[in-house]
Amino acid sequence: MLGLLFRILSGGTVQADDLPVRIDGDVGVGGYYTRSIIGGKPDLVSVLPYGYFDYGRIFLRIDTFGYKTMKVGYGYLEIAGRIRQDGFNADVPALQGLNNRQDSAPLGLGTMQVTPIGAVFFNAFHDINKSRGNLFEAIYVGKLDTPHLTFYPLTGVEYQSGELVRYYYGISALESARSAYAVYQPSGSLNPLLGIMADAGLGGDYHLNLYLRRKWLGDAIQSSPIVDKGIMDTGFISLNYRFR
């Protein structure tokens, strides 16, 4: 995959229909929430910048960023990365004897296809950090306008490869010898998800966004001895200025 990324970057695939080099979209600040699925670890709550915008061929979509290369269908072939906070420290009694897990650093290819019936996202990532695993996802996002709110319902599925699942939720032989857990070496996991975003105009170009998503974890993750939940909930609320 990394070789393909290099060929795209060096192969002159950018076409002549360059996009306007200006911010087009939302920039603001948000409060973010992720429900912990690891036993003994608290939920993650943070206040961070928010962005969902294009700048020419560069884009930022909340936690996904990248560069648009050649035109494909209703969108572009994109070189993409993702910001993930999936690591954790084994600094609680329930995880005694386990190694810390570092955040993944997904890098890969994707596309956003804005069709007449909604937007479809396809992404294929490889973790260039510790796990060396792969993450694939397909997501559909619709749009529903009301007099005061715009809703964006979404549905999709992600697949985490065995390497990714084993790094975060597995128990190695060495960890088993140091802890109360048996060895656990899972395979890959298919995780369906549903979510919705609501967009409210506050006057002028200011907007308030509310996002909620639920992901159902596959058996390979749910069966881990350090996982104590079968679902992962995430969400945020953000105040944004919309550049046009």
C-alpha atoms as a PDB file:
ATOM      1  CA  MET A   1       0.000   0.000   0.000  1.00  0.00           C
ATOM      2  CA  LEU A   2       2.819   2.441   0.832  1.00  0.00           C
ATOM      3  CA  GLY A   3       4.380   1.746  -2.572  1.00  0.00           C
ATOM      4  CA  LEU A   4       1.070   2.611  -4.257  1.00  0.00           C
ATOM      5  CA  LEU A   5       0.892   5.869  -2.289  1.00  0.00           C
ATOM      6  CA  PHE A   6       4.377   6.782  -3.498  1.00  0.00           C
ATOM      7  CA  ARG A   7       3.489   6.055  -7.119  1.00  0.00           C
ATOM      8  CA  ILE A   8       0.386   8.247  -6.877  1.00  0.00           C
ATOM      9  CA  LEU A   9       2.379  11.106  -5.346  1.00  0.00           C
ATOM     10  CA  SER A  10       5.189  10.861  -7.898  1.00  0.00           C
ATOM     11  CA  GLY A  11       3.209   9.872 -10.974  1.00  0.00           C
ATOM     12  CA  GLY A  12       1.663  13.216 -11.868  1.00  0.00           C
ATOM     13  CA  THR A  13      -1.933  12.076 -11.400  1.00  0.00           C
ATOM     14  CA  VAL A  14      -3.268  15.529 -10.500  1.00  0.00           C
ATOM     15  CA  GLN A  15      -5.475  16.781 -13.290  1.00  0.00           C
ATOM     16  CA  ALA A  16      -5.765  20.307 -14.628  1.00  0.00           C
ATOM     17  CA  ASP A  17      -9.142  21.069 -13.030  1.00  0.00           C
ATOM     18  CA  ASP A  18      -7.517  22.353  -9.825  1.00  0.00           C
ATOM     19  CA  LEU A  19      -9.927  23.291  -7.081  1.00  0.00           C
ATOM     20  CA  PRO A  20     -10.060  26.836  -5.642  1.00  0.00           C
ATOM     21  CA  VAL A  21      -7.324  27.374  -3.056  1.00  0.00           C
ATOM     22  CA  ARG A  22      -9.459  28.721  -0.228  1.00  0.00           C
ATOM     23  CA  ILE A  23     -11.142  27.349   2.874  1.00  0.00           C
ATOM     24  CA  ASP A  24     -14.561  25.909   2.013  1.00  0.00           C
ATOM     25  CA  GLY A  25     -16.365  24.437   5.014  1.00  0.00           C
ATOM     26  CA  ASP A  26     -16.481  24.533   8.810  1.00  0.00           C
ATOM     27  CA  VAL A  27     -13.782  25.495  11.314  1.00  0.00           C
ATOM     28  CA  GLY A  28     -14.403  25.691  15.057  1.00  0.00           C
ATOM     29  CA  VAL A  29     -13.984  23.982  18.401  1.00  0.00           C
ATOM     30  CA  GLY A  30     -15.659  20.862  19.765  1.00  0.00           C
ATOM     31  CA  GLY A  31     -16.140  18.739  22.841  1.00  0.00           C
ATOM     32  CA  TYR A  32     -15.521  15.056  22.078  1.00  0.00           C
ATOM     33  CA  TYR A  33     -16.588  11.872  23.869  1.00  0.00           C
ATOM     34  CA  THR A  34     -15.544   8.230  23.393  1.00  0.00           C
ATOM     35  CA  ARG A  35     -16.907   5.462  25.580  1.00  0.00           C
ATOM     36  CA  SER A  36     -14.097   3.228  26.836  1.00  0.00           C
ATOM     37  CA  ILE A  37     -14.467  -0.476  26.097  1.00  0.00           C
ATOM     38  CA  ILE A  38     -11.356  -1.440  28.089  1.00  0.00           C
ATOM     39  CA  GLY A  39     -12.040  -2.683  31.609  1.00  0.00           C
ATOM     40  CA  GLY A  40     -10.853  -0.240  34.270  1.00  0.00           C
ATOM     41  CA  LYS A  41     -10.208   2.632  31.842  1.00  0.00           C
ATOM     42  CA  PRO A  42     -12.344   5.800  32.024  1.00  0.00           C
ATOM     43  CA  ASP A  43     -14.243   7.256  29.080  1.00  0.00           C
ATOM     44  CA  LEU A  44     -12.296   9.759  26.985  1.00  0.00           C
ATOM     45  CA  VAL A  45     -13.526  13.368  27.061  1.00  0.00           C
ATOM     46  CA  SER A  46     -11.606  16.199  25.381  1.00  0.00           C
ATOM     47  CA  VAL A  47     -11.945  19.699  23.933  1.00  0.00           C
ATOM     48  CA  LEU A  48     -10.151  20.060  20.596  1.00  0.00           C
ATOM     49  CA  PRO A  49     -10.275  22.057  17.360  1.00  0.00           C
ATOM     50  CA  TYR A  50     -12.943  21.018  14.856  1.00  0.00           C
ATOM     51  CA  GLY A  51     -12.671  21.100  11.088  1.00  0.00           C
ATOM     52  CA  TYR A  52     -14.652  19.846   8.113  1.00  0.00           C
ATOM     53  CA  PHE A  53     -13.380  21.718   5.073  1.00  0.00           C
ATOM     54  CA  ASP A  54     -11.492  21.674   1.794  1.00  0.00           C
ATOM     55  CA  TYR A  55      -8.541  23.881   0.925  1.00  0.00           C
ATOM     56  CA  GLY A  56      -7.905  23.278  -2.734  1.00  0.00           C
ATOM     57  CA  ARG A  57      -7.008  19.595  -2.910  1.00  0.00           C
ATOM     58  CA  ILE A  58      -6.248  19.356   0.807  1.00  0.00           C
ATOM     59  CA  PHE A  59      -9.110  18.269   3.063  1.00  0.00           C
ATOM     60  CA  LEU A  60      -9.928  17.749   6.725  1.00  0.00           C
ATOM     61  CA  ARG A  61     -13.044  15.771   7.713  1.00  0.00           C
ATOM     62  CA  ILE A  62     -13.140  15.783  11.516  1.00  0.00           C
ATOM     63  CA  ASP A  63     -10.554  13.033  12.150  1.00  0.00           C
ATOM     64  CA  THR A  64      -9.589  12.238   8.544  1.00  0.00           C
ATOM     65  CA  PHE A  65      -7.222  14.364   6.481  1.00  0.00           C
ATOM     66  CA  GLY A  66      -5.537  14.062   3.145  1.00  0.00           C
ATOM     67  CA  TYR A  67      -4.987  15.103  -0.444  1.00  0.00           C
ATOM     68  CA  LYS A  68      -7.221  14.654  -3.490  1.00  0.00           C
ATOM     69  CA  THR A  69      -5.432  13.216  -6.527  1.00  0.00           C
ATOM     70  CA  MET A  70      -7.212  12.159  -9.727  1.00  0.00           C
ATOM     71  CA  LYS A  71     -10.925  12.449 -10.408  1.00  0.00           C
ATOM     72  CA  VAL A  72     -12.830   9.214  -9.851  1.00  0.00           C
ATOM     73  CA  GLY A  73     -16.604   8.997 -10.344  1.00  0.00           C
ATOM     74  CA  TYR A  74     -18.361  11.600  -8.182  1.00  0.00           C
ATOM     75  CA  GLY A  75     -15.183  12.408  -6.244  1.00  0.00           C
ATOM     76  CA  TYR A  76     -11.431  11.899  -6.145  1.00  0.00           C
ATOM     77  CA  LEU A  77      -8.948   9.203  -5.294  1.00  0.00           C
ATOM     78  CA  GLU A  78      -7.508  10.462  -2.024  1.00  0.00           C
ATOM     79  CA  ILE A  79      -4.341   9.891  -0.045  1.00  0.00           C
ATOM     80  CA  ALA A  80      -5.678   9.895   3.496  1.00  0.00           C
ATOM     81  CA  GLY A  81      -4.615   9.633   7.107  1.00  0.00           C
ATOM     82  CA  ARG A  82      -6.601   9.434  10.291  1.00  0.00           C
ATOM     83  CA  ILE A  83      -6.174  10.756  13.816  1.00  0.00           C
ATOM     84  CA  ARG A  84      -7.060   8.024  16.322  1.00  0.00           C
ATOM     85  CA  GLN A  85      -6.907   7.905  20.105  1.00  0.00           C
ATOM     86  CA  ASP A  86      -7.194   4.127  20.393  1.00  0.00           C
ATOM     87  CA  GLY A  87      -4.120   3.560  22.547  1.00  0.00           C
ATOM     88  CA  PHE A  88      -4.180   3.206  26.319  1.00  0.00           C
ATOM     89  CA  ASN A  89      -1.835   2.850  29.275  1.00  0.00           C
ATOM     90  CA  ALA A  90      -2.013  -0.278  31.420  1.00  0.00           C
ATOM     91  CA  ASP A  91      -1.877   1.862  34.563  1.00  0.00           C
ATOM     92  CA  VAL A  92      -4.970   0.503  36.330  1.00  0.00           C
ATOM     93  CA  PRO A  93      -5.249  -2.642  38.502  1.00  0.00           C
ATOM     94  CA  ALA A  94      -7.425  -4.445  35.933  1.00  0.00           C
ATOM     95  CA  LEU A  95      -4.598  -4.252  33.352  1.00  0.00           C
ATOM     96  CA  GLN A  96      -1.645  -5.022  35.622  1.00  0.00           C
ATOM     97  CA  GLY A  97       1.038  -6.966  33.778  1.00  0.00           C
ATOM     98  CA  LEU A  98      -0.003  -5.813  30.295  1.00  0.00           C
ATOM     99  CA  ASN A  99       1.968  -3.560  27.968  1.00  0.00           C
ATOM    100  CA  ASN A 100       0.800  -0.071  27.056  1.00  0.00           C
ATOM    101  CA  ARG A 101      -0.859   0.266  23.645  1.00  0.00           C
ATOM    102  CA  GLN A 102       0.158   3.189  21.449  1.00  0.00           C
ATOM    103  CA  ASP A 103      -2.253   5.172  19.264  1.00  0.00           C
ATOM    104  CA  SER A 104      -2.445   3.846  15.725  1.00  0.00           C
ATOM    105  CA  ALA A 105      -1.297   5.978  12.795  1.00  0.00           C
ATOM    106  CA  PRO A 106      -3.498   4.938   9.840  1.00  0.00           C
ATOM    107  CA  LEU A 107      -2.338   5.942   6.357  1.00  0.00           C
ATOM    108  CA  GLY A 108      -3.858   4.826   3.093  1.00  0.00           C
ATOM    109  CA  LEU A 109      -6.233   5.501   0.217  1.00  0.00           C
ATOM    110  CA  GLY A 110      -9.866   6.547   0.126  1.00  0.00           C
ATOM    111  CA  THR A 111     -12.587   8.393  -1.706  1.00  0.00           C
ATOM    112  CA  MET A 112     -15.676  10.445  -0.937  1.00  0.00           C
ATOM    113  CA  GLN A 113     -18.333   9.956  -3.620  1.00  0.00           C
ATOM    114  CA  VAL A 114     -20.998  12.687  -3.415  1.00  0.00           C
ATOM    115  CA  THR A 115     -23.774  11.056  -5.431  1.00  0.00           C
ATOM    116  CA  PRO A 116     -27.325  12.323  -6.151  1.00  0.00           C
ATOM    117  CA  ILE A 117     -28.628  10.027  -3.378  1.00  0.00           C
ATOM    118  CA  GLY A 118     -26.040  10.769  -0.693  1.00  0.00           C
ATOM    119  CA  ALA A 119     -22.339  10.549   0.054  1.00  0.00           C
ATOM    120  CA  VAL A 120     -20.414   7.274   0.141  1.00  0.00           C
ATOM    121  CA  PHE A 121     -17.002   6.965   1.805  1.00  0.00           C
ATOM    122  CA  PHE A 122     -14.509   4.162   1.169  1.00  0.00           C
ATOM    123  CA  ASN A 123     -11.202   4.035   3.041  1.00  0.00           C
ATOM    124  CA  ALA A 124      -8.372   1.510   3.279  1.00  0.00           C
ATOM    125  CA  PHE A 125      -5.738   2.255   5.924  1.00  0.00           C
ATOM    126  CA  HIS A 126      -2.528   0.616   7.105  1.00  0.00           C
ATOM    127  CA  ASP A 127      -1.269   1.359  10.601  1.00  0.00           C
ATOM    128  CA  ILE A 128       2.313   2.563  10.200  1.00  0.00           C
ATOM    129  CA  ASN A 129       2.755   2.494  13.985  1.00  0.00           C
ATOM    130  CA  LYS A 130       3.017  -0.561  16.268  1.00  0.00           C
ATOM    131  CA  SER A 131       0.204  -2.873  15.170  1.00  0.00           C
ATOM    132  CA  ARG A 132       1.021  -2.907  11.427  1.00  0.00           C
ATOM    133  CA  GLY A 133      -2.594  -3.880  10.890  1.00  0.00           C
ATOM    134  CA  ASN A 134      -5.190  -2.748   8.377  1.00  0.00           C
ATOM    135  CA  LEU A 135      -8.509  -0.917   8.686  1.00  0.00           C
ATOM    136  CA  PHE A 136     -11.154  -0.884   5.953  1.00  0.00           C
ATOM    137  CA  GLU A 137     -14.460   0.976   6.031  1.00  0.00           C
ATOM    138  CA  ALA A 138     -17.480   1.762   3.875  1.00  0.00           C
ATOM    139  CA  ILE A 139     -19.953   4.414   5.061  1.00  0.00           C
ATOM    140  CA  TYR A 140     -23.097   5.915   3.535  1.00  0.00           C
ATOM    141  CA  VAL A 141     -24.342   9.364   4.636  1.00  0.00           C
ATOM    142  CA  GLY A 142     -27.765  10.735   3.687  1.00  0.00           C
ATOM    143  CA  LYS A 143     -29.268  14.199   4.123  1.00  0.00           C
ATOM    144  CA  LEU A 144     -32.627  15.320   5.531  1.00  0.00           C
ATOM    145  CA  ASP A 145     -33.547  19.021   5.587  1.00  0.00           C
ATOM    146  CA  THR A 146     -36.079  20.489   8.012  1.00  0.00           C
ATOM    147  CA  PRO A 147     -36.985  24.166   8.568  1.00  0.00           C
ATOM    148  CA  HIS A 148     -34.466  24.611  11.402  1.00  0.00           C
ATOM    149  CA  LEU A 149     -32.123  21.623  11.287  1.00  0.00           C
ATOM    150  CA  THR A 150     -30.309  19.510   8.731  1.00  0.00           C
ATOM    151  CA  PHE A 151     -29.815  15.853   9.641  1.00  0.00           C
ATOM    152  CA  TYR A 152     -27.140  13.559   8.225  1.00  0.00           C
ATOM    153  CA  PRO A 153     -27.937   9.917   9.084  1.00  0.00           C
ATOM    154  CA  LEU A 154     -25.145   7.453   8.410  1.00  0.00           C
ATOM    155  CA  THR A 155     -24.641   3.713   8.299  1.00  0.00           C
ATOM    156  CA  GLY A 156     -21.650   1.597   7.498  1.00  0.00           C
ATOM    157  CA  VAL A 157     -19.223  -1.102   8.458  1.00  0.00           C
ATOM    158  CA  GLU A 158     -15.539  -1.298   9.311  1.00  0.00           C
ATOM    159  CA  TYR A 159     -13.147  -4.234   9.287  1.00  0.00           C
ATOM    160  CA  GLN A 160     -10.124  -4.376  11.579  1.00  0.00           C
ATOM    161  CA  SER A 161      -7.514  -6.938  10.561  1.00  0.00           C
ATOM    162  CA  GLY A 162      -6.203  -9.589  12.930  1.00  0.00           C
ATOM    163  CA  GLU A 163      -2.958  -7.688  13.460  1.00  0.00           C
ATOM    164  CA  LEU A 164      -4.858  -4.600  14.608  1.00  0.00           C
ATOM    165  CA  VAL A 165      -7.232  -6.539  16.875  1.00  0.00           C
ATOM    166  CA  ARG A 166      -4.419  -8.596  18.417  1.00  0.00           C
ATOM    167  CA  TYR A 167      -2.312  -5.542  19.193  1.00  0.00           C
ATOM    168  CA  TYR A 168      -5.078  -3.668  21.033  1.00  0.00           C
ATOM    169  CA  TYR A 169      -7.188  -6.471  22.499  1.00  0.00           C
ATOM    170  CA  GLY A 170      -5.000  -9.578  22.457  1.00  0.00           C
ATOM    171  CA  ILE A 171      -2.923 -11.072  25.271  1.00  0.00           C
ATOM    172  CA  SER A 172       0.553 -12.309  24.396  1.00  0.00           C
ATOM    173  CA  ALA A 173       2.252 -15.255  26.121  1.00  0.00           C
ATOM    174  CA  LEU A 174       4.567 -12.860  27.966  1.00  0.00           C
ATOM    175  CA  GLU A 175       1.658 -10.699  29.112  1.00  0.00           C
ATOM    176  CA  SER A 176      -0.236 -13.793  30.218  1.00  0.00           C
ATOM    177  CA  ALA A 177       2.705 -14.883  32.379  1.00  0.00           C
ATOM    178  CA  ARG A 178       2.781 -11.463  34.067  1.00  0.00           C
ATOM    179  CA  SER A 179      -0.975 -11.017  34.508  1.00  0.00           C
ATOM    180  CA  ALA A 180      -4.160 -12.832  35.470  1.00  0.00           C
ATOM    181  CA  TYR A 181      -5.206 -13.296  31.821  1.00  0.00           C
ATOM    182  CA  ALA A 182      -4.924 -16.297  29.536  1.00  0.00           C
ATOM    183  CA  VAL A 183      -3.287 -15.962  26.147  1.00  0.00           C
ATOM    184  CA  TYR A 184      -5.713 -14.459  23.630  1.00  0.00           C
ATOM    185  CA  GLN A 185      -4.789 -14.182  19.939  1.00  0.00           C
ATOM    186  CA  PRO A 186      -7.936 -13.105  18.008  1.00  0.00           C
ATOM    187  CA  SER A 187      -8.594 -12.817  14.301  1.00  0.00           C
ATOM    188  CA  GLY A 188     -10.068  -9.830  12.455  1.00  0.00           C
ATOM    189  CA  SER A 189     -13.303  -8.105  13.441  1.00  0.00           C
ATOM    190  CA  LEU A 190     -16.230  -6.807  11.381  1.00  0.00           C
ATOM    191  CA  ASN A 191     -17.953  -3.911  13.166  1.00  0.00           C
ATOM    192  CA  PRO A 192     -21.235  -2.373  11.876  1.00  0.00           C
ATOM    193  CA  LEU A 193     -22.119   1.177  12.854  1.00  0.00           C
ATOM    194  CA  LEU A 194     -24.962   3.703  12.824  1.00  0.00           C
ATOM    195  CA  GLY A 195     -24.885   7.424  13.522  1.00  0.00           C
ATOM    196  CA  ILE A 196     -26.419  10.817  12.935  1.00  0.00           C
ATOM    197  CA  MET A 197     -25.266  14.419  12.768  1.00  0.00           C
ATOM    198  CA  ALA A 198     -27.517  17.441  13.282  1.00  0.00           C
ATOM    199  CA  ASP A 199     -26.552  20.862  11.916  1.00  0.00           C
ATOM    200  CA  ALA A 200     -28.232  23.987  13.326  1.00  0.00           C
ATOM    201  CA  GLY A 201     -27.709  27.480  11.926  1.00  0.00           C
ATOM    202  CA  LEU A 202     -27.141  30.074  14.656  1.00  0.00           C
ATOM    203  CA  GLY A 203     -27.316  33.145  12.470  1.00  0.00           C
ATOM    204  CA  GLY A 204     -24.844  34.450   9.958  1.00  0.00           C
ATOM    205  CA  ASP A 205     -22.232  31.816   9.178  1.00  0.00           C
ATOM    206  CA  TYR A 206     -22.150  30.262  12.638  1.00  0.00           C
ATOM    207  CA  HIS A 207     -23.367  26.695  13.085  1.00  0.00           C
ATOM    208  CA  LEU A 208     -23.760  24.183  15.903  1.00  0.00           C
ATOM    209  CA  ASN A 209     -23.169  20.513  15.127  1.00  0.00           C
ATOM    210  CA  LEU A 210     -24.141  17.509  17.227  1.00  0.00           C
ATOM    211  CA  TYR A 211     -22.872  14.044  16.290  1.00  0.00           C
ATOM    212  CA  LEU A 212     -23.658  10.635  17.811  1.00  0.00           C
ATOM    213  CA  ARG A 213     -22.453   7.219  16.619  1.00  0.00           C
ATOM    214  CA  ARG A 214     -22.735   3.651  17.895  1.00  0.00           C
ATOM    215  CA  LYS A 215     -20.447   0.841  16.741  1.00  0.00           C
ATOM    216  CA  TRP A 216     -21.235  -2.821  17.466  1.00  0.00           C
ATOM    217  CA  LEU A 217     -18.025  -4.726  18.117  1.00  0.00           C
ATOM    218  CA  GLY A 218     -17.366  -8.047  16.431  1.00  0.00           C
ATOM    219  CA  ASP A 219     -16.797 -11.275  18.379  1.00  0.00           C
ATOM    220  CA  ALA A 220     -13.011 -11.046  18.100  1.00  0.00           C
ATOM    221  CA  ILE A 221     -13.032  -7.790  20.082  1.00  0.00           C
ATOM    222  CA  GLN A 222     -15.948  -8.595  22.407  1.00  0.00           C
ATOM    223  CA  SER A 223     -14.318 -11.883  23.471  1.00  0.00           C
ATOM    224  CA  SER A 224     -11.122 -10.198  24.621  1.00  0.00           C
ATOM    225  CA  PRO A 225     -10.601 -10.606  28.380  1.00  0.00           C
ATOM    226  CA  ILE A 226      -9.783  -6.902  28.715  1.00  0.00           C
ATOM    227  CA  VAL A 227     -12.920  -5.689  26.883  1.00  0.00           C
ATOM    228  CA  ASP A 228     -16.028  -5.229  29.027  1.00  0.00           C
ATOM    229  CA  LYS A 229     -18.509  -3.786  26.516  1.00  0.00           C
ATOM    230  CA  GLY A 230     -20.008  -4.945  23.244  1.00  0.00           C
ATOM    231  CA  ILE A 231     -20.588  -1.475  21.802  1.00  0.00           C
ATOM    232  CA  MET A 232     -18.546   1.692  21.443  1.00  0.00           C
ATOM    233  CA  ASP A 233     -20.317   5.064  21.529  1.00  0.00           C
ATOM    234  CA  THR A 234     -18.709   8.259  20.268  1.00  0.00           C
ATOM    235  CA  GLY A 235     -19.970  11.798  19.845  1.00  0.00           C
ATOM    236  CA  PHE A 236     -19.175  15.466  19.794  1.00  0.00           C
ATOM    237  CA  ILE A 237     -20.744  18.907  19.894  1.00  0.00           C
ATOM    238  CA  SER A 238     -19.020  21.719  18.036  1.00  0.00           C
ATOM    239  CA  LEU A 239     -19.422  25.434  17.416  1.00  0.00           C
ATOM    240  CA  ASN A 240     -18.210  26.382  13.929  1.00  0.00           C
ATOM    241  CA  TYR A 241     -17.784  29.221  11.490  1.00  0.00           C
ATOM    242  CA  ARG A 242     -18.701  28.224   7.938  1.00  0.00           C
ATOM    243  CA  PHE A 243     -16.414  29.553   5.211  1.00  0.00           C
ATOM    244  CA  ARG A 244     -18.003  29.723   1.773  1.00  0.00           C
END
